[in-house]
Protein backbone atom coordinates (compact mmCIF):
# COMPACT_ATOMS: atom_id res chain seq x y z
CA MET A 1 101.53 110.68 101.09
CA ALA A 2 101.33 109.00 104.47
CA ASP A 3 98.18 111.01 105.25
CA PHE A 4 96.31 109.55 102.29
CA GLN A 5 93.59 107.09 103.22
CA HIS A 6 93.84 104.95 100.09
CA VAL A 7 97.50 103.93 100.17
CA TYR A 8 98.45 100.33 100.82
CA GLU A 9 101.68 98.36 101.15
CA THR A 10 100.19 95.31 99.44
CA PRO A 11 96.97 94.72 97.50
CA PRO A 12 94.10 94.94 100.02
CA ASP A 13 91.49 92.25 100.44
CA GLY A 14 89.54 91.73 97.24
CA ALA A 15 92.22 93.22 94.97
CA ASN A 16 93.97 91.24 92.26
CA ALA A 17 97.73 90.87 91.97
CA ASP A 18 97.79 93.87 89.60
CA TRP A 19 95.85 95.88 92.24
CA THR A 20 92.68 96.02 90.16
CA VAL A 21 89.30 95.55 91.81
CA SER A 22 85.77 95.19 90.56
CA GLN A 23 84.26 98.63 90.10
CA ASN A 24 81.04 97.32 91.65
CA TRP A 25 79.12 100.25 90.18
CA ASP A 26 75.88 99.30 91.90
CA ALA A 27 77.52 99.75 95.31
CA PHE A 28 77.99 103.50 94.91
CA SER A 29 75.43 105.43 96.94
CA ALA A 30 73.00 108.01 95.61
CA ASP A 31 75.05 110.69 97.39
CA GLU A 32 78.24 109.53 95.69
CA HIS A 33 76.59 109.62 92.27
CA ALA A 34 75.21 113.06 93.08
CA MET A 35 78.70 114.28 93.96
CA TRP A 36 79.95 113.17 90.54
CA ASP A 37 77.05 114.92 88.82
CA LEU A 38 77.70 118.14 90.74
CA LEU A 39 81.41 118.13 89.90
CA PHE A 40 80.77 117.13 86.28
CA ALA A 41 78.22 119.90 85.72
CA ARG A 42 80.42 122.54 87.32
CA GLN A 43 83.53 121.68 85.34
CA SER A 44 81.72 121.07 82.05
CA GLU A 45 80.14 124.51 82.25
CA MET A 46 83.37 126.41 82.83
CA LEU A 47 85.81 124.49 80.58
CA PRO A 48 84.71 125.56 77.08
CA GLU A 49 87.29 128.04 75.71
CA ARG A 50 89.60 126.99 78.57
CA ALA A 51 90.27 123.31 77.93
CA ALA A 52 92.19 121.99 74.93
CA ASP A 53 90.20 120.98 71.88
CA ALA A 54 91.32 117.37 72.40
CA PHE A 55 89.88 117.38 75.91
CA MET A 56 86.57 118.88 74.83
CA ARG A 57 86.24 116.31 72.03
CA GLY A 58 87.11 113.51 74.42
CA LEU A 59 84.59 114.68 76.98
CA ASP A 60 81.94 113.04 74.83
CA VAL A 61 83.13 109.59 75.93
CA LEU A 62 81.90 110.46 79.44
CA LYS A 63 78.42 111.47 78.31
CA LEU A 64 76.92 108.09 79.00
CA SER A 65 73.38 106.77 79.12
CA ARG A 66 72.80 107.32 82.84
CA PRO A 67 73.95 109.97 85.33
CA GLY A 68 76.42 109.49 88.14
CA ILE A 69 79.85 107.88 88.29
CA PRO A 70 80.51 106.23 84.92
CA ASP A 71 79.93 102.51 84.68
CA TYR A 72 83.19 101.21 83.21
CA ARG A 73 81.37 98.53 81.24
CA GLU A 74 79.80 101.26 79.14
CA LEU A 75 82.68 103.72 79.30
CA ASN A 76 85.27 101.17 78.21
CA ALA A 77 83.23 100.09 75.22
CA ARG A 78 83.49 103.66 73.92
CA LEU A 79 87.10 104.25 74.95
CA LEU A 80 88.33 100.95 73.50
CA ALA A 81 86.68 101.82 70.21
CA ALA A 82 88.39 105.23 70.18
CA THR A 83 91.99 104.40 71.13
CA GLY A 84 92.20 100.88 72.56
CA TRP A 85 92.39 102.15 76.15
CA GLU A 86 90.28 101.07 79.10
CA VAL A 87 89.78 102.21 82.67
CA VAL A 88 90.42 99.76 85.50
CA ALA A 89 89.32 100.30 89.08
CA VAL A 90 91.95 100.26 91.84
CA PRO A 91 91.48 100.81 95.58
CA GLY A 92 93.77 103.85 95.64
CA LEU A 93 97.31 104.83 94.75
CA VAL A 94 99.23 101.83 93.38
CA PRO A 95 102.98 101.06 93.34
CA ASP A 96 105.00 102.68 90.57
CA ASP A 97 105.78 99.50 88.67
CA ILE A 98 102.11 98.50 88.68
CA PHE A 99 101.05 101.96 87.50
CA PHE A 100 103.56 102.00 84.64
CA ASP A 101 102.64 98.49 83.56
CA HIS A 102 98.98 99.47 83.33
CA LEU A 103 99.81 102.52 81.21
CA ALA A 104 102.13 100.55 78.95
CA ASN A 105 99.24 98.18 78.27
CA ARG A 106 96.62 100.87 77.67
CA ARG A 107 94.91 100.55 81.03
CA PHE A 108 94.31 103.60 83.17
CA PRO A 109 93.99 102.86 86.91
CA ALA A 110 91.27 104.93 88.57
CA GLY A 111 90.62 105.24 92.28
CA ASN A 112 87.35 103.56 93.23
CA PHE A 113 86.10 106.25 95.63
CA ILE A 114 84.85 109.82 95.39
CA ARG A 115 85.44 112.88 97.55
CA ARG A 116 83.18 114.04 100.35
CA PRO A 117 81.13 117.28 100.20
CA ASP A 118 83.70 119.05 102.42
CA GLN A 119 86.37 118.19 99.80
CA LEU A 120 84.44 119.66 96.88
CA ASP A 121 87.07 122.18 95.81
CA TYR A 122 90.24 120.27 96.54
CA LEU A 123 91.28 116.72 97.32
CA GLN A 124 94.97 115.95 97.62
CA GLU A 125 94.44 112.26 96.92
CA PRO A 126 93.17 111.44 93.39
CA ASP A 127 89.59 110.12 93.41
CA VAL A 128 87.39 108.75 90.65
CA PHE A 129 86.43 112.25 89.50
CA HIS A 130 90.03 113.35 89.11
CA ASP A 131 91.04 110.07 87.48
CA VAL A 132 88.10 109.63 85.11
CA PHE A 133 86.92 113.18 84.35
CA GLY A 134 90.47 114.54 84.41
CA HIS A 135 92.31 111.84 82.45
CA VAL A 136 89.91 109.84 80.31
CA PRO A 137 88.87 112.55 77.81
CA MET A 138 92.51 112.99 76.77
CA LEU A 139 92.90 109.21 76.43
CA ALA A 140 90.26 109.37 73.69
CA ASP A 141 92.73 111.36 71.58
CA PRO A 142 94.92 108.97 69.51
CA VAL A 143 98.09 111.06 69.77
CA PHE A 144 97.87 111.59 73.51
CA ALA A 145 96.87 107.96 73.98
CA ASP A 146 100.09 106.87 72.25
CA PHE A 147 102.12 109.29 74.37
CA MET A 148 100.74 107.71 77.52
CA VAL A 149 101.72 104.23 76.34
CA ALA A 150 105.24 105.49 75.65
CA TYR A 151 105.34 107.11 79.07
CA GLY A 152 104.31 103.86 80.74
CA LYS A 153 107.03 101.93 78.95
CA GLY A 154 109.54 104.64 79.81
CA GLY A 155 108.44 104.53 83.42
CA LEU A 156 109.24 100.84 83.69
CA ARG A 157 112.67 101.56 82.24
CA SER A 158 113.24 104.48 84.62
CA LEU A 159 112.99 102.10 87.57
CA GLU A 160 116.07 100.27 86.26
CA TYR A 161 118.03 103.54 86.28
CA GLY A 162 116.78 104.82 89.63
CA ALA A 163 115.41 107.84 87.78
CA LEU A 164 111.78 107.76 88.81
CA ASP A 165 111.86 111.20 90.45
CA HIS A 166 112.95 112.84 87.22
CA LEU A 167 110.42 111.02 85.05
CA ALA A 168 107.64 111.78 87.54
CA ARG A 169 108.23 115.46 86.87
CA LEU A 170 107.48 114.95 83.19
CA TYR A 171 104.13 113.40 84.14
CA TRP A 172 103.40 116.16 86.63
CA TYR A 173 104.04 119.06 84.30
CA THR A 174 102.28 117.51 81.29
CA VAL A 175 99.68 114.86 82.13
CA GLU A 176 98.65 116.53 85.39
CA PHE A 177 99.37 120.25 84.96
CA GLY A 178 100.17 120.82 81.31
CA LEU A 179 99.14 123.75 79.11
CA ILE A 180 99.01 123.73 75.31
CA GLN A 181 99.33 126.61 72.86
CA GLN A 182 96.53 126.37 70.31
CA PRO A 183 96.03 128.72 67.35
CA ASP A 184 93.13 130.30 69.24
CA GLY A 185 95.05 130.73 72.48
CA LEU A 186 96.48 129.04 75.54
CA ARG A 187 94.48 126.08 76.82
CA ILE A 188 94.62 123.57 79.68
CA TYR A 189 94.84 119.81 79.22
CA GLY A 190 96.42 118.46 82.42
CA ALA A 191 94.05 116.39 84.57
CA GLY A 192 95.00 118.20 87.76
CA ILE A 193 93.82 121.45 86.21
CA VAL A 194 90.72 120.40 84.26
CA SER A 195 89.32 118.55 87.28
CA SER A 196 89.87 121.55 89.60
CA PHE A 197 87.52 124.51 89.45
CA ALA A 198 89.99 126.86 91.12
CA GLU A 199 93.10 125.85 89.19
CA SER A 200 91.24 125.93 85.87
CA VAL A 201 90.97 129.67 86.49
CA PHE A 202 94.37 130.19 88.12
CA ALA A 203 96.37 128.42 85.41
CA LEU A 204 95.09 130.65 82.61
CA ASP A 205 93.91 133.89 84.20
CA ASP A 206 96.06 134.61 87.23
CA SER A 207 99.06 136.90 86.81
CA SER A 208 101.14 135.08 89.43
CA PRO A 209 102.53 131.95 87.69
CA ASN A 210 105.18 131.76 85.01
CA ARG A 211 104.16 130.08 81.76
CA ILE A 212 107.24 128.64 80.09
CA GLU A 213 107.78 126.88 76.78
CA PHE A 214 108.15 123.14 77.31
CA ASP A 215 111.69 121.75 77.33
CA LEU A 216 112.19 118.12 78.32
CA MET A 217 115.41 118.51 80.32
CA ARG A 218 114.13 121.64 82.03
CA VAL A 219 110.91 119.92 83.09
CA MET A 220 112.69 116.85 84.41
CA ARG A 221 114.88 119.05 86.63
CA THR A 222 112.00 121.05 88.09
CA GLU A 223 110.61 120.30 91.54
CA TYR A 224 106.89 120.44 92.22
CA ARG A 225 104.43 120.58 95.08
CA ILE A 226 101.33 118.43 95.29
CA ASP A 227 99.43 120.58 97.77
CA ASP A 228 99.22 123.98 96.09
CA PHE A 229 98.77 125.84 92.83
CA GLN A 230 101.65 125.56 90.40
CA GLN A 231 103.97 128.55 90.03
CA ASN A 232 105.54 127.30 86.81
CA TYR A 233 103.36 125.89 84.04
CA PHE A 234 104.98 124.40 80.95
CA VAL A 235 103.38 124.90 77.56
CA ILE A 236 103.60 122.37 74.74
CA PRO A 237 103.12 123.52 71.14
CA SER A 238 101.10 120.41 70.23
CA LEU A 239 100.23 116.92 71.43
CA GLU A 240 102.21 115.52 68.54
CA GLN A 241 105.33 117.29 69.77
CA LEU A 242 104.83 115.84 73.24
CA ARG A 243 104.42 112.35 71.78
CA HIS A 244 107.42 112.83 69.50
CA VAL A 245 109.83 113.93 72.22
CA THR A 246 108.77 111.06 74.47
CA VAL A 247 108.96 108.34 71.83
CA ASN A 248 112.14 109.50 70.14
CA THR A 249 114.33 110.52 73.10
CA ASP A 250 116.88 108.07 74.49
CA PHE A 251 116.30 108.68 78.19
CA ALA A 252 119.33 106.70 79.44
CA PRO A 253 121.94 109.42 78.70
CA LEU A 254 119.41 112.02 79.84
CA TYR A 255 119.21 110.34 83.24
CA ARG A 256 123.00 110.32 83.50
CA SER A 257 123.13 114.03 82.74
CA LEU A 258 120.40 114.80 85.24
CA GLU A 259 122.39 113.14 88.01
CA LYS A 260 125.00 115.88 87.64
CA LEU A 261 122.62 118.83 87.49
CA PRO A 262 120.94 120.61 90.41
CA ASP A 263 117.18 120.58 90.79
CA ILE A 264 115.24 123.72 89.91
CA ALA A 265 112.88 125.22 92.49
CA VAL A 266 109.17 125.35 91.74
CA ALA A 267 108.98 129.06 90.81
CA ASP A 268 112.46 129.70 89.41
CA ILE A 269 113.13 131.09 85.95
CA LEU A 270 116.34 130.25 84.08
CA THR A 271 118.17 132.57 81.72
CA ASN A 272 117.56 130.24 78.77
CA ASP A 273 113.83 129.73 79.46
CA VAL A 274 111.47 130.75 76.69
CA ILE A 275 108.95 132.66 78.79
CA LEU A 276 105.48 133.07 77.38
CA THR A 277 104.15 134.84 80.48
CA ARG A 278 106.40 136.08 83.25
CA GLY A 279 104.48 135.82 86.49
CA THR A 280 104.27 138.38 89.25
CA GLN A 281 104.63 135.65 91.90
CA ALA A 282 101.99 137.51 93.88
CA TYR A 283 100.41 134.25 94.99
CA VAL A 284 102.26 132.93 98.04
CA GLN A 285 102.55 129.16 98.03
CA GLY A 286 101.36 127.60 101.22
CA ALA A 287 98.46 129.99 101.51
CA GLY A 288 96.12 127.17 100.53
CA ARG A 289 93.89 126.58 97.55
């Protein structure tokens, strides 16, 4: 995290107390808008029959009247009408309590910068393409939108219990790198996958990773890496089930139980896992994306 350029201890100049900034859409350069268009075209072309139906439906909210990085004034009019959510610009990664408060109030914070040409295939730090293309289509789905509100509220509560690390794993393995089992096959919905050309292929087609049926406790015990492909993907049966388990679980006793249990390594399989695809583990983590 320390290597990220857009990480601050306090709100930088021009930012509000909640870390939001003006998007200042007109300040983006032609090259920056062109980068968005390139990434958008590439992902949009390869995601049909890979991305979840909810994502593909939600992608329509990004098909705005002019090319380039979405103007939030137009985007938010459509997103608010769909699910009551809106996108707010932030200078970069924000503190946990600020992030959770935004989610709990149906605001999604999006980094106000875009990757350089040499970062086309992978950027460790989330930029506007990851945040808006990756996350916003799913926020146009009412069920997923409600799940994200519940997660934000749960995140604020997790800070009281010192359980942020465990709850972050739920976000990682669902919102960022989740798979869903649809009647017509396995699909991707996590923003970290749908915004990545390489991982959109790896997550579904590669024989290396394990694909495991989602279990809340299991996920919250599982470590992850931010700089490589996932070796365990967790598969939800439906968005409604994800919303249900988040809204209806009392996380306080869960946190107490987790304190007594060891963490699970990124590629491990447990004897009680429901394995949908057992991976070969042929891909060696650390080899780079």
